[in-house]
Amino acid sequence: RRLWDRGELTATDLALVPLGTGNDFARTVG
C-alpha cells in the first residue's frame, strides 16, 4: 500500500518471508 501511494510499486523488486499467523498470500504463490 505504501509503495503504491508513493508511486514506486511497479519499479520495486519485492520478496516475502512469511512470519505472520495466517500467511495466506504466501500459500497462494507457493
PDB file of all heavy atoms in Angstrom:
ATOM      1  N   ARG A   1       0.832  -1.207   0.000  1.00  0.00           N
ATOM      2  CA  ARG A   1       0.000   0.000   0.000  1.00  0.00           C
ATOM      3  C   ARG A   1       0.868   1.259   0.000  1.00  0.00           C
ATOM      4  O   ARG A   1       0.600   2.213  -0.737  1.00  0.00           O
ATOM      5  CB  ARG A   1      -0.924  -0.012   1.217  1.00  0.00           C
ATOM      6  CG  ARG A   1      -1.654   1.324   1.497  1.00  0.00           C
ATOM      7  CD  ARG A   1      -2.624   1.673   0.375  1.00  0.00           C
ATOM      8  NE  ARG A   1      -3.166   3.017   0.509  1.00  0.00           N
ATOM      9  CZ  ARG A   1      -4.309   3.307   1.143  1.00  0.00           C
ATOM     10  NH1 ARG A   1      -5.010   2.343   1.731  1.00  0.00           N
ATOM     11  NH2 ARG A   1      -4.751   4.539   1.176  1.00  0.00           N
ATOM     12  N   ARG A   2       1.911   1.262   0.825  1.00  0.00           N
ATOM     13  CA  ARG A   2       2.744   2.471   0.893  1.00  0.00           C
ATOM     14  C   ARG A   2       3.508   2.692  -0.409  1.00  0.00           C
ATOM     15  O   ARG A   2       3.634   3.825  -0.881  1.00  0.00           O
ATOM     16  CB  ARG A   2       3.708   2.371   2.073  1.00  0.00           C
ATOM     17  CG  ARG A   2       4.369   3.702   2.397  1.00  0.00           C
ATOM     18  CD  ARG A   2       3.343   4.713   2.835  1.00  0.00           C
ATOM     19  NE  ARG A   2       3.896   6.079   2.863  1.00  0.00           N
ATOM     20  CZ  ARG A   2       3.265   7.138   2.376  1.00  0.00           C
ATOM     21  NH1 ARG A   2       2.058   7.019   1.840  1.00  0.00           N
ATOM     22  NH2 ARG A   2       3.816   8.330   2.440  1.00  0.00           N
ATOM     23  N   LEU A   3       4.018   1.623  -0.989  1.00  0.00           N
ATOM     24  CA  LEU A   3       4.709   1.750  -2.275  1.00  0.00           C
ATOM     25  C   LEU A   3       3.757   2.241  -3.361  1.00  0.00           C
ATOM     26  O   LEU A   3       4.131   3.057  -4.217  1.00  0.00           O
ATOM     27  CB  LEU A   3       5.325   0.407  -2.674  1.00  0.00           C
ATOM     28  CG  LEU A   3       6.570  -0.018  -1.890  1.00  0.00           C
ATOM     29  CD1 LEU A   3       6.870  -1.494  -2.153  1.00  0.00           C
ATOM     30  CD2 LEU A   3       7.775   0.847  -2.261  1.00  0.00           C
ATOM     31  N   TRP A   4       2.510   1.746  -3.333  1.00  0.00           N
ATOM     32  CA  TRP A   4       1.504   2.198  -4.300  1.00  0.00           C
ATOM     33  C   TRP A   4       1.230   3.691  -4.124  1.00  0.00           C
ATOM     34  O   TRP A   4       1.195   4.444  -5.095  1.00  0.00           O
ATOM     35  CB  TRP A   4       0.226   1.384  -4.114  1.00  0.00           C
ATOM     36  CG  TRP A   4      -0.937   1.850  -4.942  1.00  0.00           C
ATOM     37  CD1 TRP A   4      -1.985   2.623  -4.523  1.00  0.00           C
ATOM     38  CD2 TRP A   4      -1.183   1.576  -6.329  1.00  0.00           C
ATOM     39  NE1 TRP A   4      -2.863   2.843  -5.553  1.00  0.00           N
ATOM     40  CE2 TRP A   4      -2.398   2.216  -6.675  1.00  0.00           C
ATOM     41  CE3 TRP A   4      -0.500   0.847  -7.293  1.00  0.00           C
ATOM     42  CZ2 TRP A   4      -2.934   2.147  -7.955  1.00  0.00           C
ATOM     43  CZ3 TRP A   4      -1.033   0.778  -8.585  1.00  0.00           C
ATOM     44  CH2 TRP A   4      -2.233   1.430  -8.900  1.00  0.00           C
ATOM     45  N   ASP A   5       1.051   4.122  -2.894  1.00  0.00           N
ATOM     46  CA  ASP A   5       0.776   5.528  -2.615  1.00  0.00           C
ATOM     47  C   ASP A   5       1.936   6.421  -3.050  1.00  0.00           C
ATOM     48  O   ASP A   5       1.725   7.564  -3.477  1.00  0.00           O
ATOM     49  CB  ASP A   5       0.509   5.741  -1.124  1.00  0.00           C
ATOM     50  CG  ASP A   5      -0.837   5.189  -0.676  1.00  0.00           C
ATOM     51  OD1 ASP A   5      -1.669   4.878  -1.544  1.00  0.00           O
ATOM     52  OD2 ASP A   5      -1.047   5.055   0.549  1.00  0.00           O
ATOM     53  N   ARG A   6       3.161   5.910  -2.924  1.00  0.00           N
ATOM     54  CA  ARG A   6       4.346   6.680  -3.292  1.00  0.00           C
ATOM     55  C   ARG A   6       4.649   6.614  -4.790  1.00  0.00           C
ATOM     56  O   ARG A   6       5.579   7.276  -5.260  1.00  0.00           O
ATOM     57  CB  ARG A   6       5.558   6.157  -2.520  1.00  0.00           C
ATOM     58  CG  ARG A   6       5.563   6.487  -1.043  1.00  0.00           C
ATOM     59  CD  ARG A   6       6.580   5.639  -0.273  1.00  0.00           C
ATOM     60  NE  ARG A   6       7.942   5.756  -0.782  1.00  0.00           N
ATOM     61  CZ  ARG A   6       8.943   6.377  -0.138  1.00  0.00           C
ATOM     62  NH1 ARG A   6       8.715   6.936   1.056  1.00  0.00           N
ATOM     63  NH2 ARG A   6      10.150   6.415  -0.655  1.00  0.00           N
ATOM     64  N   GLY A   7       3.880   5.820  -5.533  1.00  0.00           N
ATOM     65  CA  GLY A   7       4.126   5.679  -6.958  1.00  0.00           C
ATOM     66  C   GLY A   7       5.356   4.864  -7.286  1.00  0.00           C
ATOM     67  O   GLY A   7       5.905   4.970  -8.393  1.00  0.00           O
ATOM     68  N   GLU A   8       5.789   4.000  -6.351  1.00  0.00           N
ATOM     69  CA  GLU A   8       7.033   3.246  -6.508  1.00  0.00           C
ATOM     70  C   GLU A   8       6.825   1.741  -6.606  1.00  0.00           C
ATOM     71  O   GLU A   8       7.790   0.982  -6.716  1.00  0.00           O
ATOM     72  CB  GLU A   8       7.961   3.555  -5.323  1.00  0.00           C
ATOM     73  CG  GLU A   8       8.345   5.020  -5.223  1.00  0.00           C
ATOM     74  CD  GLU A   8       9.019   5.361  -3.903  1.00  0.00           C
ATOM     75  OE1 GLU A   8       9.197   4.452  -3.067  1.00  0.00           O
ATOM     76  OE2 GLU A   8       9.350   6.541  -3.696  1.00  0.00           O
ATOM     77  N   LEU A   9       5.568   1.289  -6.584  1.00  0.00           N
ATOM     78  CA  LEU A   9       5.322  -0.148  -6.501  1.00  0.00           C
ATOM     79  C   LEU A   9       5.807  -0.883  -7.740  1.00  0.00           C
ATOM     80  O   LEU A   9       6.464  -1.924  -7.647  1.00  0.00           O
ATOM     81  CB  LEU A   9       3.829  -0.411  -6.277  1.00  0.00           C
ATOM     82  CG  LEU A   9       3.421  -1.875  -6.151  1.00  0.00           C
ATOM     83  CD1 LEU A   9       4.129  -2.544  -4.990  1.00  0.00           C
ATOM     84  CD2 LEU A   9       1.910  -2.006  -5.989  1.00  0.00           C
ATOM     85  N   THR A  10       5.493  -0.361  -8.909  1.00  0.00           N
ATOM     86  CA  THR A  10       5.817  -1.060 -10.154  1.00  0.00           C
ATOM     87  C   THR A  10       7.317  -1.310 -10.289  1.00  0.00           C
ATOM     88  O   THR A  10       7.741  -2.359 -10.804  1.00  0.00           O
ATOM     89  CB  THR A  10       5.313  -0.248 -11.362  1.00  0.00           C
ATOM     90  OG1 THR A  10       3.903  -0.094 -11.266  1.00  0.00           O
ATOM     91  CG2 THR A  10       5.646  -0.955 -12.667  1.00  0.00           C
ATOM     92  N   ALA A  11       8.132  -0.381  -9.811  1.00  0.00           N
ATOM     93  CA  ALA A  11       9.577  -0.471 -10.012  1.00  0.00           C
ATOM     94  C   ALA A  11      10.311  -1.174  -8.880  1.00  0.00           C
ATOM     95  O   ALA A  11      11.528  -1.344  -8.940  1.00  0.00           O
ATOM     96  CB  ALA A  11      10.151   0.933 -10.197  1.00  0.00           C
ATOM     97  N   THR A  12       9.594  -1.601  -7.833  1.00  0.00           N
ATOM     98  CA  THR A  12      10.248  -2.201  -6.663  1.00  0.00           C
ATOM     99  C   THR A  12      10.298  -3.719  -6.790  1.00  0.00           C
ATOM    100  O   THR A  12       9.309  -4.365  -7.143  1.00  0.00           O
ATOM    101  CB  THR A  12       9.510  -1.808  -5.372  1.00  0.00           C
ATOM    102  OG1 THR A  12       9.508  -0.377  -5.245  1.00  0.00           O
ATOM    103  CG2 THR A  12      10.191  -2.406  -4.159  1.00  0.00           C
ATOM    104  N   ASP A  13      11.466  -4.269  -6.492  1.00  0.00           N
ATOM    105  CA  ASP A  13      11.687  -5.717  -6.505  1.00  0.00           C
ATOM    106  C   ASP A  13      11.382  -6.241  -5.104  1.00  0.00           C
ATOM    107  O   ASP A  13      12.164  -6.048  -4.173  1.00  0.00           O
ATOM    108  CB  ASP A  13      13.149  -5.979  -6.894  1.00  0.00           C
ATOM    109  CG  ASP A  13      13.494  -7.461  -6.919  1.00  0.00           C
ATOM    110  OD1 ASP A  13      12.576  -8.291  -7.038  1.00  0.00           O
ATOM    111  OD2 ASP A  13      14.701  -7.786  -6.835  1.00  0.00           O
ATOM    112  N   LEU A  14      10.225  -6.898  -4.945  1.00  0.00           N
ATOM    113  CA  LEU A  14       9.752  -7.346  -3.632  1.00  0.00           C
ATOM    114  C   LEU A  14       9.972  -8.838  -3.421  1.00  0.00           C
ATOM    115  O   LEU A  14       9.931  -9.642  -4.365  1.00  0.00           O
ATOM    116  CB  LEU A  14       8.266  -7.039  -3.476  1.00  0.00           C
ATOM    117  CG  LEU A  14       7.888  -5.650  -2.972  1.00  0.00           C
ATOM    118  CD1 LEU A  14       6.422  -5.366  -3.260  1.00  0.00           C
ATOM    119  CD2 LEU A  14       8.162  -5.524  -1.480  1.00  0.00           C
ATOM    120  N   ALA A  15      10.196  -9.189  -2.169  1.00  0.00           N
ATOM    121  CA  ALA A  15      10.245 -10.587  -1.746  1.00  0.00           C
ATOM    122  C   ALA A  15       9.450 -10.702  -0.458  1.00  0.00           C
ATOM    123  O   ALA A  15       9.196  -9.706   0.222  1.00  0.00           O
ATOM    124  CB  ALA A  15      11.684 -11.044  -1.537  1.00  0.00           C
ATOM    125  N   LEU A  16       9.044 -11.924  -0.123  1.00  0.00           N
ATOM    126  CA  LEU A  16       8.245 -12.175   1.070  1.00  0.00           C
ATOM    127  C   LEU A  16       8.796 -13.375   1.818  1.00  0.00           C
ATOM    128  O   LEU A  16       9.002 -14.447   1.237  1.00  0.00           O
ATOM    129  CB  LEU A  16       6.779 -12.438   0.685  1.00  0.00           C
ATOM    130  CG  LEU A  16       5.836 -12.882   1.804  1.00  0.00           C
ATOM    131  CD1 LEU A  16       5.690 -11.797   2.871  1.00  0.00           C
ATOM    132  CD2 LEU A  16       4.467 -13.261   1.237  1.00  0.00           C
ATOM    133  N   VAL A  17       9.042 -13.178   3.110  1.00  0.00           N
ATOM    134  CA  VAL A  17       9.391 -14.282   4.010  1.00  0.00           C
ATOM    135  C   VAL A  17       8.295 -14.333   5.073  1.00  0.00           C
ATOM    136  O   VAL A  17       8.185 -13.423   5.897  1.00  0.00           O
ATOM    137  CB  VAL A  17      10.769 -14.071   4.671  1.00  0.00           C
ATOM    138  CG1 VAL A  17      11.058 -15.213   5.648  1.00  0.00           C
ATOM    139  CG2 VAL A  17      11.865 -13.993   3.614  1.00  0.00           C
ATOM    140  N   PRO A  18       7.448 -15.357   5.057  1.00  0.00           N
ATOM    141  CA  PRO A  18       6.270 -15.372   5.938  1.00  0.00           C
ATOM    142  C   PRO A  18       6.623 -15.580   7.410  1.00  0.00           C
ATOM    143  O   PRO A  18       7.263 -16.557   7.766  1.00  0.00           O
ATOM    144  CB  PRO A  18       5.429 -16.532   5.389  1.00  0.00           C
ATOM    145  CG  PRO A  18       6.392 -17.406   4.658  1.00  0.00           C
ATOM    146  CD  PRO A  18       7.477 -16.512   4.142  1.00  0.00           C
ATOM    147  N   LEU A  19       6.190 -14.637   8.221  1.00  0.00           N
ATOM    148  CA  LEU A  19       6.347 -14.757   9.669  1.00  0.00           C
ATOM    149  C   LEU A  19       5.074 -14.314  10.384  1.00  0.00           C
ATOM    150  O   LEU A  19       5.135 -13.881  11.528  1.00  0.00           O
ATOM    151  CB  LEU A  19       7.526 -13.906  10.158  1.00  0.00           C
ATOM    152  CG  LEU A  19       8.854 -14.625  10.392  1.00  0.00           C
ATOM    153  CD1 LEU A  19       9.910 -13.644  10.912  1.00  0.00           C
ATOM    154  CD2 LEU A  19       8.719 -15.785  11.351  1.00  0.00           C
ATOM    155  N   GLY A  20       3.936 -14.392   9.691  1.00  0.00           N
ATOM    156  CA  GLY A  20       2.674 -13.998  10.301  1.00  0.00           C
ATOM    157  C   GLY A  20       1.933 -15.187  10.870  1.00  0.00           C
ATOM    158  O   GLY A  20       2.458 -16.298  10.946  1.00  0.00           O
ATOM    159  N   THR A  21       0.679 -14.960  11.249  1.00  0.00           N
ATOM    160  CA  THR A  21      -0.140 -16.048  11.779  1.00  0.00           C
ATOM    161  C   THR A  21      -0.946 -16.741  10.690  1.00  0.00           C
ATOM    162  O   THR A  21      -1.294 -17.908  10.828  1.00  0.00           O
ATOM    163  CB  THR A  21      -1.109 -15.522  12.849  1.00  0.00           C
ATOM    164  OG1 THR A  21      -1.880 -14.447  12.297  1.00  0.00           O
ATOM    165  CG2 THR A  21      -0.344 -14.998  14.053  1.00  0.00           C
ATOM    166  N   GLY A  22      -1.239 -16.035   9.586  1.00  0.00           N
ATOM    167  CA  GLY A  22      -2.033 -16.619   8.515  1.00  0.00           C
ATOM    168  C   GLY A  22      -1.214 -16.981   7.295  1.00  0.00           C
ATOM    169  O   GLY A  22      -1.296 -18.076   6.765  1.00  0.00           O
ATOM    170  N   ASN A  23      -0.418 -16.025   6.816  1.00  0.00           N
ATOM    171  CA  ASN A  23       0.457 -16.235   5.659  1.00  0.00           C
ATOM    172  C   ASN A  23      -0.300 -16.755   4.445  1.00  0.00           C
ATOM    173  O   ASN A  23       0.187 -17.621   3.710  1.00  0.00           O
ATOM    174  CB  ASN A  23       1.597 -17.196   6.021  1.00  0.00           C
ATOM    175  CG  ASN A  23       2.436 -16.687   7.177  1.00  0.00           C
ATOM    176  OD1 ASN A  23       2.806 -15.519   7.224  1.00  0.00           O
ATOM    177  ND2 ASN A  23       2.723 -17.550   8.128  1.00  0.00           N
ATOM    178  N   ASP A  24      -1.477 -16.208   4.212  1.00  0.00           N
ATOM    179  CA  ASP A  24      -2.310 -16.747   3.146  1.00  0.00           C
ATOM    180  C   ASP A  24      -1.779 -16.430   1.749  1.00  0.00           C
ATOM    181  O   ASP A  24      -1.873 -17.273   0.852  1.00  0.00           O
ATOM    182  CB  ASP A  24      -3.749 -16.243   3.302  1.00  0.00           C
ATOM    183  CG  ASP A  24      -4.477 -16.969   4.414  1.00  0.00           C
ATOM    184  OD1 ASP A  24      -4.694 -18.184   4.274  1.00  0.00           O
ATOM    185  OD2 ASP A  24      -4.804 -16.349   5.429  1.00  0.00           O
ATOM    186  N   PHE A  25      -1.234 -15.234   1.546  1.00  0.00           N
ATOM    187  CA  PHE A  25      -0.749 -14.940   0.199  1.00  0.00           C
ATOM    188  C   PHE A  25       0.471 -15.782  -0.132  1.00  0.00           C
ATOM    189  O   PHE A  25       0.641 -16.217  -1.278  1.00  0.00           O
ATOM    190  CB  PHE A  25      -0.435 -13.454   0.037  1.00  0.00           C
ATOM    191  CG  PHE A  25      -0.352 -13.049  -1.408  1.00  0.00           C
ATOM    192  CD1 PHE A  25      -1.498 -12.987  -2.193  1.00  0.00           C
ATOM    193  CD2 PHE A  25       0.864 -12.751  -1.993  1.00  0.00           C
ATOM    194  CE1 PHE A  25      -1.431 -12.643  -3.539  1.00  0.00           C
ATOM    195  CE2 PHE A  25       0.947 -12.396  -3.335  1.00  0.00           C
ATOM    196  CZ  PHE A  25      -0.210 -12.339  -4.112  1.00  0.00           C
ATOM    197  N   ALA A  26       1.311 -16.059   0.855  1.00  0.00           N
ATOM    198  CA  ALA A  26       2.445 -16.958   0.629  1.00  0.00           C
ATOM    199  C   ALA A  26       1.953 -18.330   0.173  1.00  0.00           C
ATOM    200  O   ALA A  26       2.559 -18.965  -0.703  1.00  0.00           O
ATOM    201  CB  ALA A  26       3.278 -17.091   1.898  1.00  0.00           C
ATOM    202  N   ARG A  27       0.858 -18.804   0.731  1.00  0.00           N
ATOM    203  CA  ARG A  27       0.292 -20.090   0.327  1.00  0.00           C
ATOM    204  C   ARG A  27      -0.096 -20.065  -1.151  1.00  0.00           C
ATOM    205  O   ARG A  27       0.152 -21.022  -1.898  1.00  0.00           O
ATOM    206  CB  ARG A  27      -0.948 -20.417   1.173  1.00  0.00           C
ATOM    207  CG  ARG A  27      -0.687 -20.594   2.650  1.00  0.00           C
ATOM    208  CD  ARG A  27      -1.993 -20.671   3.436  1.00  0.00           C
ATOM    209  NE  ARG A  27      -1.782 -20.529   4.853  1.00  0.00           N
ATOM    210  CZ  ARG A  27      -1.557 -21.543   5.691  1.00  0.00           C
ATOM    211  NH1 ARG A  27      -1.541 -22.779   5.240  1.00  0.00           N
ATOM    212  NH2 ARG A  27      -1.371 -21.313   6.982  1.00  0.00           N
ATOM    213  N   THR A  28      -0.728 -18.965  -1.576  1.00  0.00           N
ATOM    214  CA  THR A  28      -1.186 -18.877  -2.962  1.00  0.00           C
ATOM    215  C   THR A  28      -0.035 -18.894  -3.943  1.00  0.00           C
ATOM    216  O   THR A  28      -0.112 -19.548  -4.987  1.00  0.00           O
ATOM    217  CB  THR A  28      -2.025 -17.595  -3.164  1.00  0.00           C
ATOM    218  OG1 THR A  28      -3.274 -17.750  -2.470  1.00  0.00           O
ATOM    219  CG2 THR A  28      -2.328 -17.340  -4.633  1.00  0.00           C
ATOM    220  N   VAL A  29       1.050 -18.180  -3.644  1.00  0.00           N
ATOM    221  CA  VAL A  29       2.154 -18.060  -4.613  1.00  0.00           C
ATOM    222  C   VAL A  29       3.230 -19.113  -4.414  1.00  0.00           C
ATOM    223  O   VAL A  29       4.241 -19.100  -5.116  1.00  0.00           O
ATOM    224  CB  VAL A  29       2.769 -16.646  -4.581  1.00  0.00           C
ATOM    225  CG1 VAL A  29       1.734 -15.606  -4.983  1.00  0.00           C
ATOM    226  CG2 VAL A  29       3.368 -16.311  -3.220  1.00  0.00           C
ATOM    227  N   GLY A  30       3.039 -20.027  -3.466  1.00  0.00           N
ATOM    228  CA  GLY A  30       3.946 -21.165  -3.335  1.00  0.00           C
ATOM    229  C   GLY A  30       5.200 -20.916  -2.533  1.00  0.00           C
ATOM    230  O   GLY A  30       6.154 -21.693  -2.621  1.00  0.00           O
TER     231      GLY A  30
END
